[in-house]
Protein backbone atom coordinates (compact mmCIF):
# COMPACT_ATOMS: atom_id res chain seq x y z
CA UNK A 1 -22.68 -5.99 33.45
CA UNK A 2 -24.48 -5.91 30.08
CA UNK A 3 -22.91 -4.35 26.99
CA UNK A 4 -25.19 -1.30 27.20
CA UNK A 5 -24.22 -0.39 30.75
CA UNK A 6 -21.60 2.13 31.84
CA UNK A 7 -18.73 1.04 34.00
CA UNK A 8 -19.23 1.94 37.66
CA UNK A 9 -16.52 4.63 37.56
CA UNK A 10 -18.45 6.63 34.93
CA UNK A 11 -21.60 8.68 35.34
CA UNK A 12 -23.93 9.53 32.48
CA UNK A 13 -23.63 13.18 33.46
CA UNK A 14 -19.89 13.06 32.61
CA UNK A 15 -20.71 12.95 28.90
CA UNK A 16 -22.97 15.94 28.33
CA UNK A 17 -25.70 15.84 25.69
CA UNK A 18 -25.33 12.98 23.24
CA UNK A 19 -26.64 13.45 19.72
CA UNK A 20 -27.02 10.39 17.50
CA UNK A 21 -25.50 10.92 14.06
CA UNK A 22 -24.16 14.37 14.96
CA UNK A 23 -21.25 14.07 12.52
CA UNK A 24 -22.83 11.68 9.98
CA UNK A 25 -23.53 14.33 7.31
CA UNK A 26 -20.03 15.81 7.63
CA UNK A 27 -18.37 12.40 7.36
CA UNK A 28 -20.53 11.41 4.38
CA UNK A 29 -19.64 14.68 2.62
CA UNK A 30 -15.90 14.39 3.31
CA UNK A 31 -15.43 10.73 2.45
CA UNK A 32 -15.87 8.62 -0.61
CA UNK A 33 -16.45 5.13 0.72
CA UNK A 34 -17.47 2.39 -1.65
CA UNK A 35 -18.66 -0.95 -0.31
CA UNK A 36 -17.81 -3.89 -2.53
CA UNK A 37 -20.03 -6.92 -2.74
CA UNK A 38 -18.42 -9.93 -1.01
CA UNK A 39 -17.56 -11.86 -4.18
CA UNK A 40 -15.84 -8.78 -5.64
CA UNK A 41 -14.00 -8.01 -2.41
CA UNK A 42 -12.53 -11.53 -2.42
CA UNK A 43 -10.68 -10.71 -5.64
CA UNK A 44 -9.18 -7.43 -4.42
CA UNK A 45 -7.01 -7.67 -1.30
CA UNK A 46 -6.71 -3.90 -0.74
CA UNK A 47 -7.58 -0.43 -2.01
CA UNK A 48 -4.50 -0.25 -4.26
CA UNK A 49 -5.60 -3.32 -6.20
CA UNK A 50 -9.07 -1.86 -6.70
CA UNK A 51 -7.65 1.47 -7.87
CA UNK A 52 -5.18 -0.25 -10.21
CA UNK A 53 -7.98 -2.31 -11.79
CA UNK A 54 -10.20 0.75 -12.23
CA UNK A 55 -7.33 2.74 -13.78
CA UNK A 56 -6.68 -0.10 -16.22
CA UNK A 57 -10.38 -0.17 -17.12
CA UNK A 58 -10.38 3.60 -17.67
CA UNK A 59 -7.29 3.28 -19.86
CA UNK A 60 -8.96 0.58 -21.98
CA UNK A 61 -12.13 2.66 -22.29
CA UNK A 62 -10.14 5.73 -23.33
CA UNK A 63 -8.13 3.79 -25.94
CA UNK A 64 -11.32 2.22 -27.28
CA UNK A 65 -12.98 5.61 -27.52
CA UNK A 66 -9.98 7.10 -29.35
CA UNK A 67 -9.82 4.13 -31.76
CA UNK A 68 -13.55 4.37 -32.51
CA UNK A 69 -13.36 8.12 -33.07
CA UNK A 70 -10.47 7.92 -35.54
CA UNK A 71 -11.71 5.03 -37.64
């Protein structure tokens, strides 16, 4: 049996009308997925490490902005 074939116990009629991408717009709207390039992903083992690094960068940017504005 090829990978695109149904198992014998199933019939195509069991599944009703199939619509490709039916939920794609909803999922795209409700999620915020970012795909890292491979060399960046190697450095960050999980989402927490990415978020921690971005928060640190935001903190540095904010401190730099405040220092520049006051001096």
